[in-house]
Amino acid sequence: MKTDLAVKALAALAQETRLSIFRLLVQAGEPGIAAGEIARNLGVPNATLSFHLKELVNADLVRARQESRFIYYAANFAVMNELLGFLTENCCGGQPCGTDTVPCMSGDSQTAQTSPPRSAPDPSTTPSTRGQLS
């Protein structure tokens, strides 16, 4: 994916209503959802929905198809995957990462080295510095 297309896609998703629409369409899968159903699910007025769908279609993140008198919208999974690939192509300097990699393995390959979780300091035992000059 070219950088300008990634910027266009990310800009389209950088708005709360459009992000909610896109996530709903991803959940719906390939068949998509009729525009009226999207409006009902998200509580978005039809005119507002139309504006946001236009932006998502323009960014090629969403496809529209007409069946009878209904317009169905579906996530464009190919473009979504291209965007994810673009964002992660140089992840971790080319080293494997993600959920398959367990850092800090000990000599025993089945035991991961972990440090205990850090907890927030207890405010009752931490001296307050509010209002004090350094």
N, C-alpha and C. Protein backbone atom coordinates (compact mmCIF):
# COMPACT_ATOMS: atom_id res chain seq x y z
N MET A 1 0.85 -1.17 0.00
CA MET A 1 0.00 0.00 0.00
C MET A 1 0.89 1.23 0.00
N LYS A 2 0.54 2.19 -0.80
CA LYS A 2 1.30 3.43 -0.85
C LYS A 2 0.92 4.31 0.35
N THR A 3 1.87 5.13 0.76
CA THR A 3 1.68 5.98 1.93
C THR A 3 0.47 6.88 1.80
N ASP A 4 0.25 7.47 0.63
CA ASP A 4 -0.88 8.39 0.47
C ASP A 4 -2.22 7.68 0.65
N LEU A 5 -2.32 6.42 0.23
CA LEU A 5 -3.54 5.66 0.42
C LEU A 5 -3.74 5.29 1.89
N ALA A 6 -2.63 4.98 2.57
CA ALA A 6 -2.71 4.68 4.01
C ALA A 6 -3.18 5.91 4.78
N VAL A 7 -2.65 7.06 4.43
CA VAL A 7 -3.05 8.31 5.09
C VAL A 7 -4.54 8.58 4.86
N LYS A 8 -5.00 8.35 3.65
CA LYS A 8 -6.42 8.55 3.33
C LYS A 8 -7.31 7.61 4.14
N ALA A 9 -6.90 6.35 4.26
CA ALA A 9 -7.67 5.37 5.02
C ALA A 9 -7.67 5.72 6.51
N LEU A 10 -6.51 6.05 7.04
CA LEU A 10 -6.42 6.39 8.45
C LEU A 10 -7.20 7.67 8.77
N ALA A 11 -7.17 8.63 7.86
CA ALA A 11 -7.94 9.86 8.06
C ALA A 11 -9.43 9.56 8.09
N ALA A 12 -9.87 8.65 7.25
CA ALA A 12 -11.30 8.28 7.23
C ALA A 12 -11.70 7.61 8.54
N LEU A 13 -10.81 6.86 9.14
CA LEU A 13 -11.11 6.16 10.38
C LEU A 13 -10.90 7.02 11.62
N ALA A 14 -10.30 8.19 11.43
CA ALA A 14 -9.98 9.06 12.56
C ALA A 14 -11.16 9.95 12.97
N GLN A 15 -12.33 9.35 12.99
CA GLN A 15 -13.55 10.04 13.41
C GLN A 15 -14.43 9.01 14.08
N GLU A 16 -14.98 9.34 15.23
CA GLU A 16 -15.67 8.36 16.06
C GLU A 16 -16.81 7.63 15.36
N THR A 17 -17.67 8.35 14.66
CA THR A 17 -18.80 7.70 13.99
C THR A 17 -18.33 6.78 12.87
N ARG A 18 -17.37 7.25 12.07
CA ARG A 18 -16.87 6.42 10.97
C ARG A 18 -16.16 5.18 11.51
N LEU A 19 -15.41 5.32 12.58
CA LEU A 19 -14.75 4.17 13.17
C LEU A 19 -15.79 3.17 13.68
N SER A 20 -16.86 3.65 14.28
CA SER A 20 -17.94 2.76 14.76
C SER A 20 -18.61 2.05 13.59
N ILE A 21 -18.85 2.77 12.51
CA ILE A 21 -19.46 2.16 11.32
C ILE A 21 -18.54 1.07 10.78
N PHE A 22 -17.26 1.38 10.64
CA PHE A 22 -16.33 0.42 10.08
C PHE A 22 -16.23 -0.83 10.95
N ARG A 23 -16.16 -0.64 12.25
CA ARG A 23 -16.08 -1.80 13.16
C ARG A 23 -17.33 -2.66 13.06
N LEU A 24 -18.49 -2.03 12.94
CA LEU A 24 -19.74 -2.77 12.79
C LEU A 24 -19.71 -3.59 11.49
N LEU A 25 -19.22 -2.97 10.42
CA LEU A 25 -19.15 -3.67 9.13
C LEU A 25 -18.14 -4.81 9.15
N VAL A 26 -17.06 -4.64 9.88
CA VAL A 26 -16.08 -5.73 10.01
C VAL A 26 -16.72 -6.90 10.75
N GLN A 27 -17.49 -6.60 11.79
CA GLN A 27 -18.18 -7.66 12.53
C GLN A 27 -19.20 -8.38 11.67
N ALA A 28 -19.84 -7.65 10.76
CA ALA A 28 -20.88 -8.22 9.90
C ALA A 28 -20.32 -9.18 8.86
N GLY A 29 -19.06 -9.00 8.50
CA GLY A 29 -18.44 -9.88 7.51
C GLY A 29 -18.78 -9.50 6.08
N GLU A 30 -18.52 -10.41 5.17
CA GLU A 30 -18.68 -10.18 3.73
C GLU A 30 -20.08 -9.75 3.29
N PRO A 31 -21.15 -10.29 3.87
CA PRO A 31 -22.48 -9.90 3.40
C PRO A 31 -22.80 -8.42 3.64
N GLY A 32 -22.21 -7.84 4.67
CA GLY A 32 -22.47 -6.44 4.96
C GLY A 32 -23.80 -6.22 5.64
N ILE A 33 -24.19 -4.95 5.71
CA ILE A 33 -25.42 -4.55 6.40
C ILE A 33 -26.10 -3.47 5.57
N ALA A 34 -27.42 -3.50 5.55
CA ALA A 34 -28.19 -2.45 4.87
C ALA A 34 -28.00 -1.13 5.61
N ALA A 35 -28.02 -0.05 4.86
CA ALA A 35 -27.80 1.28 5.43
C ALA A 35 -28.75 1.57 6.59
N GLY A 36 -30.02 1.23 6.44
CA GLY A 36 -31.00 1.49 7.50
C GLY A 36 -30.67 0.74 8.77
N GLU A 37 -30.15 -0.47 8.63
CA GLU A 37 -29.77 -1.27 9.79
C GLU A 37 -28.55 -0.66 10.49
N ILE A 38 -27.61 -0.14 9.72
CA ILE A 38 -26.45 0.54 10.31
C ILE A 38 -26.94 1.73 11.13
N ALA A 39 -27.84 2.51 10.55
CA ALA A 39 -28.38 3.69 11.25
C ALA A 39 -29.05 3.28 12.55
N ARG A 40 -29.86 2.23 12.53
CA ARG A 40 -30.54 1.76 13.74
C ARG A 40 -29.55 1.25 14.79
N ASN A 41 -28.58 0.46 14.34
CA ASN A 41 -27.59 -0.10 15.27
C ASN A 41 -26.78 0.97 15.99
N LEU A 42 -26.43 2.01 15.27
CA LEU A 42 -25.56 3.04 15.84
C LEU A 42 -26.30 4.29 16.30
N GLY A 43 -27.60 4.36 16.02
CA GLY A 43 -28.37 5.54 16.41
C GLY A 43 -27.93 6.80 15.68
N VAL A 44 -27.60 6.65 14.41
CA VAL A 44 -27.11 7.76 13.60
C VAL A 44 -28.21 8.17 12.61
N PRO A 45 -28.52 9.46 12.50
CA PRO A 45 -29.50 9.90 11.51
C PRO A 45 -29.05 9.52 10.09
N ASN A 46 -30.02 9.26 9.22
CA ASN A 46 -29.71 8.82 7.85
C ASN A 46 -28.80 9.76 7.09
N ALA A 47 -29.04 11.07 7.21
CA ALA A 47 -28.21 12.04 6.48
C ALA A 47 -26.77 12.01 6.98
N THR A 48 -26.61 11.89 8.28
CA THR A 48 -25.27 11.82 8.87
C THR A 48 -24.58 10.53 8.45
N LEU A 49 -25.32 9.43 8.48
CA LEU A 49 -24.78 8.14 8.07
C LEU A 49 -24.31 8.20 6.63
N SER A 50 -25.12 8.78 5.76
CA SER A 50 -24.77 8.88 4.35
C SER A 50 -23.45 9.62 4.16
N PHE A 51 -23.26 10.70 4.90
CA PHE A 51 -22.02 11.48 4.82
C PHE A 51 -20.82 10.63 5.22
N HIS A 52 -20.94 9.92 6.34
CA HIS A 52 -19.83 9.13 6.84
C HIS A 52 -19.54 7.92 5.94
N LEU A 53 -20.59 7.28 5.42
CA LEU A 53 -20.38 6.16 4.50
C LEU A 53 -19.67 6.62 3.24
N LYS A 54 -20.02 7.80 2.76
CA LYS A 54 -19.36 8.35 1.57
C LYS A 54 -17.86 8.50 1.81
N GLU A 55 -17.49 8.95 3.00
CA GLU A 55 -16.07 9.11 3.32
C GLU A 55 -15.35 7.76 3.37
N LEU A 56 -16.00 6.77 3.95
CA LEU A 56 -15.40 5.44 4.03
C LEU A 56 -15.30 4.78 2.65
N VAL A 57 -16.30 4.97 1.82
CA VAL A 57 -16.26 4.45 0.45
C VAL A 57 -15.16 5.16 -0.34
N ASN A 58 -15.05 6.47 -0.17
CA ASN A 58 -14.03 7.26 -0.86
C ASN A 58 -12.62 6.80 -0.48
N ALA A 59 -12.45 6.35 0.76
CA ALA A 59 -11.15 5.84 1.22
C ALA A 59 -10.97 4.37 0.84
N ASP A 60 -11.94 3.78 0.17
CA ASP A 60 -11.92 2.39 -0.30
C ASP A 60 -11.93 1.37 0.85
N LEU A 61 -12.35 1.82 2.03
CA LEU A 61 -12.44 0.91 3.17
C LEU A 61 -13.77 0.17 3.19
N VAL A 62 -14.76 0.70 2.46
CA VAL A 62 -16.11 0.15 2.45
C VAL A 62 -16.59 0.05 1.01
N ARG A 63 -17.31 -1.02 0.72
CA ARG A 63 -17.93 -1.22 -0.59
C ARG A 63 -19.44 -1.17 -0.44
N ALA A 64 -20.11 -0.63 -1.44
CA ALA A 64 -21.57 -0.56 -1.44
C ALA A 64 -22.11 -1.39 -2.60
N ARG A 65 -23.26 -2.05 -2.36
CA ARG A 65 -23.94 -2.76 -3.43
C ARG A 65 -25.43 -2.59 -3.24
N GLN A 66 -26.12 -2.47 -4.33
CA GLN A 66 -27.57 -2.30 -4.27
C GLN A 66 -28.26 -3.61 -4.58
N GLU A 67 -29.21 -3.96 -3.74
CA GLU A 67 -30.06 -5.12 -3.94
C GLU A 67 -31.49 -4.64 -3.78
N SER A 68 -32.23 -4.70 -4.88
CA SER A 68 -33.60 -4.21 -4.89
C SER A 68 -33.58 -2.74 -4.51
N ARG A 69 -34.29 -2.36 -3.49
CA ARG A 69 -34.30 -0.94 -3.12
C ARG A 69 -33.39 -0.64 -1.93
N PHE A 70 -32.59 -1.61 -1.51
CA PHE A 70 -31.69 -1.45 -0.37
C PHE A 70 -30.25 -1.34 -0.84
N ILE A 71 -29.46 -0.54 -0.10
CA ILE A 71 -28.02 -0.47 -0.34
C ILE A 71 -27.34 -1.13 0.84
N TYR A 72 -26.51 -2.11 0.53
CA TYR A 72 -25.76 -2.83 1.55
C TYR A 72 -24.32 -2.34 1.53
N TYR A 73 -23.76 -2.17 2.71
CA TYR A 73 -22.37 -1.75 2.85
C TYR A 73 -21.60 -2.86 3.54
N ALA A 74 -20.38 -3.08 3.08
CA ALA A 74 -19.51 -4.11 3.65
C ALA A 74 -18.08 -3.58 3.73
N ALA A 75 -17.36 -4.02 4.74
CA ALA A 75 -15.95 -3.65 4.86
C ALA A 75 -15.19 -4.23 3.68
N ASN A 76 -14.25 -3.48 3.18
CA ASN A 76 -13.35 -3.96 2.12
C ASN A 76 -12.16 -4.61 2.84
N PHE A 77 -12.28 -5.92 3.06
CA PHE A 77 -11.27 -6.63 3.85
C PHE A 77 -9.90 -6.63 3.19
N ALA A 78 -9.85 -6.61 1.87
CA ALA A 78 -8.56 -6.59 1.19
C ALA A 78 -7.80 -5.30 1.52
N VAL A 79 -8.50 -4.18 1.48
CA VAL A 79 -7.85 -2.90 1.79
C VAL A 79 -7.53 -2.83 3.28
N MET A 80 -8.42 -3.33 4.12
CA MET A 80 -8.15 -3.34 5.56
C MET A 80 -6.87 -4.13 5.84
N ASN A 81 -6.73 -5.28 5.22
CA ASN A 81 -5.54 -6.10 5.42
C ASN A 81 -4.29 -5.44 4.85
N GLU A 82 -4.43 -4.75 3.73
CA GLU A 82 -3.29 -4.00 3.17
C GLU A 82 -2.85 -2.92 4.15
N LEU A 83 -3.82 -2.23 4.74
CA LEU A 83 -3.50 -1.17 5.70
C LEU A 83 -2.78 -1.75 6.92
N LEU A 84 -3.29 -2.86 7.44
CA LEU A 84 -2.64 -3.50 8.58
C LEU A 84 -1.23 -3.95 8.21
N GLY A 85 -1.08 -4.49 7.02
CA GLY A 85 0.24 -4.90 6.55
C GLY A 85 1.18 -3.72 6.43
N PHE A 86 0.67 -2.60 5.90
CA PHE A 86 1.48 -1.39 5.76
C PHE A 86 1.95 -0.90 7.13
N LEU A 87 1.04 -0.92 8.11
CA LEU A 87 1.37 -0.42 9.44
C LEU A 87 2.36 -1.31 10.18
N THR A 88 2.39 -2.58 9.84
CA THR A 88 3.23 -3.52 10.59
C THR A 88 4.38 -4.11 9.79
N GLU A 89 4.60 -3.66 8.55
CA GLU A 89 5.59 -4.31 7.71
C GLU A 89 7.01 -4.26 8.27
N ASN A 90 7.35 -3.25 9.02
CA ASN A 90 8.70 -3.17 9.60
C ASN A 90 8.65 -3.31 11.11
N CYS A 91 7.64 -3.96 11.60
CA CYS A 91 7.45 -4.13 13.04
C CYS A 91 8.64 -4.85 13.65
N CYS A 92 9.08 -4.37 14.76
CA CYS A 92 10.14 -5.02 15.56
C CYS A 92 11.43 -5.23 14.77
N GLY A 93 11.71 -4.34 13.84
CA GLY A 93 12.96 -4.42 13.08
C GLY A 93 13.11 -5.69 12.28
N GLY A 94 11.98 -6.26 11.85
CA GLY A 94 12.03 -7.47 11.05
C GLY A 94 12.12 -8.75 11.87
N GLN A 95 12.21 -8.62 13.18
CA GLN A 95 12.25 -9.80 14.05
C GLN A 95 10.83 -10.27 14.32
N PRO A 96 10.63 -11.56 14.52
CA PRO A 96 9.30 -12.05 14.84
C PRO A 96 8.79 -11.41 16.13
N CYS A 97 7.52 -11.09 16.16
CA CYS A 97 6.94 -10.51 17.35
C CYS A 97 5.45 -10.83 17.40
N GLY A 98 4.77 -10.36 18.39
CA GLY A 98 3.35 -10.62 18.52
C GLY A 98 3.07 -11.68 19.54
N THR A 99 1.92 -12.27 19.43
CA THR A 99 1.49 -13.24 20.44
C THR A 99 2.24 -14.55 20.36
N ASP A 100 2.90 -14.83 19.24
CA ASP A 100 3.63 -16.09 19.11
C ASP A 100 4.98 -16.04 19.78
N THR A 101 5.50 -14.85 20.05
CA THR A 101 6.82 -14.71 20.63
C THR A 101 6.69 -14.46 22.12
N VAL A 102 7.43 -15.24 22.90
CA VAL A 102 7.44 -15.06 24.35
C VAL A 102 8.82 -14.54 24.73
N PRO A 103 8.91 -13.31 25.21
CA PRO A 103 10.22 -12.74 25.53
C PRO A 103 10.82 -13.35 26.80
N CYS A 104 12.10 -13.21 26.95
CA CYS A 104 12.83 -13.58 28.17
C CYS A 104 12.65 -15.04 28.53
N MET A 105 12.88 -15.92 27.61
CA MET A 105 12.78 -17.35 27.90
C MET A 105 13.99 -17.77 28.73
N SER A 106 13.77 -18.63 29.70
CA SER A 106 14.88 -19.16 30.51
C SER A 106 15.48 -20.35 29.77
N GLY A 107 16.39 -21.04 30.38
CA GLY A 107 16.99 -22.23 29.79
C GLY A 107 15.94 -23.29 29.50
N ASP A 108 14.90 -23.36 30.32
CA ASP A 108 13.79 -24.28 30.10
C ASP A 108 12.85 -23.61 29.11
N SER A 109 12.73 -24.14 27.90
CA SER A 109 11.96 -23.48 26.84
C SER A 109 10.48 -23.39 27.12
N GLN A 110 10.00 -24.06 28.16
CA GLN A 110 8.57 -23.99 28.45
C GLN A 110 8.23 -22.99 29.53
N THR A 111 9.24 -22.36 30.12
CA THR A 111 8.99 -21.43 31.21
C THR A 111 9.43 -20.04 30.78
N ALA A 112 8.51 -19.10 30.79
CA ALA A 112 8.83 -17.72 30.44
C ALA A 112 9.25 -16.98 31.69
N GLN A 113 10.23 -16.12 31.55
CA GLN A 113 10.64 -15.25 32.64
C GLN A 113 9.68 -14.07 32.68
N THR A 114 9.07 -13.85 33.79
CA THR A 114 8.19 -12.70 33.93
C THR A 114 8.50 -12.00 35.22
N SER A 115 8.29 -10.72 35.24
CA SER A 115 8.46 -9.97 36.47
C SER A 115 7.08 -9.74 37.07
N PRO A 116 7.00 -9.63 38.38
CA PRO A 116 5.69 -9.44 38.99
C PRO A 116 5.08 -8.14 38.52
N PRO A 117 3.74 -8.07 38.43
CA PRO A 117 3.10 -6.84 37.98
C PRO A 117 3.37 -5.71 38.95
N ARG A 118 3.57 -4.54 38.40
CA ARG A 118 3.79 -3.36 39.23
C ARG A 118 2.44 -2.79 39.61
N SER A 119 2.32 -2.43 40.86
CA SER A 119 1.07 -1.81 41.30
C SER A 119 1.32 -0.33 41.53
N ALA A 120 0.24 0.42 41.47
CA ALA A 120 0.33 1.86 41.69
C ALA A 120 0.66 2.10 43.16
N PRO A 121 1.41 3.17 43.47
CA PRO A 121 1.72 3.44 44.87
C PRO A 121 0.45 3.77 45.64
N ASP A 122 0.43 3.37 46.90
CA ASP A 122 -0.71 3.64 47.77
C ASP A 122 -0.66 5.12 48.16
N PRO A 123 -1.70 5.91 47.79
CA PRO A 123 -1.67 7.34 48.08
C PRO A 123 -1.59 7.64 49.58
N SER A 124 -2.06 6.74 50.43
CA SER A 124 -2.03 7.00 51.87
C SER A 124 -0.61 6.91 52.44
N THR A 125 0.29 6.23 51.73
CA THR A 125 1.66 6.09 52.22
C THR A 125 2.65 6.94 51.43
N THR A 126 2.19 7.59 50.37
CA THR A 126 3.05 8.41 49.54
C THR A 126 2.94 9.85 49.98
N PRO A 127 4.07 10.50 50.32
CA PRO A 127 3.98 11.90 50.75
C PRO A 127 3.53 12.78 49.60
N SER A 128 2.68 13.72 49.91
CA SER A 128 2.16 14.64 48.90
C SER A 128 3.15 15.75 48.67
N THR A 129 3.36 16.12 47.41
CA THR A 129 4.24 17.22 47.08
C THR A 129 3.46 18.38 46.51
N ARG A 130 2.13 18.27 46.51
CA ARG A 130 1.29 19.33 45.97
C ARG A 130 1.48 20.61 46.79
N GLY A 131 1.70 21.69 46.10
CA GLY A 131 1.83 22.98 46.75
C GLY A 131 3.20 23.25 47.31
N GLN A 132 4.13 22.31 47.18
CA GLN A 132 5.49 22.52 47.70
C GLN A 132 6.38 23.00 46.57
N LEU A 133 7.28 23.90 46.91
CA LEU A 133 8.24 24.39 45.93
C LEU A 133 9.47 23.50 45.94
N SER A 134 10.09 23.31 44.80
CA SER A 134 11.29 22.49 44.72
C SER A 134 12.49 23.31 45.06
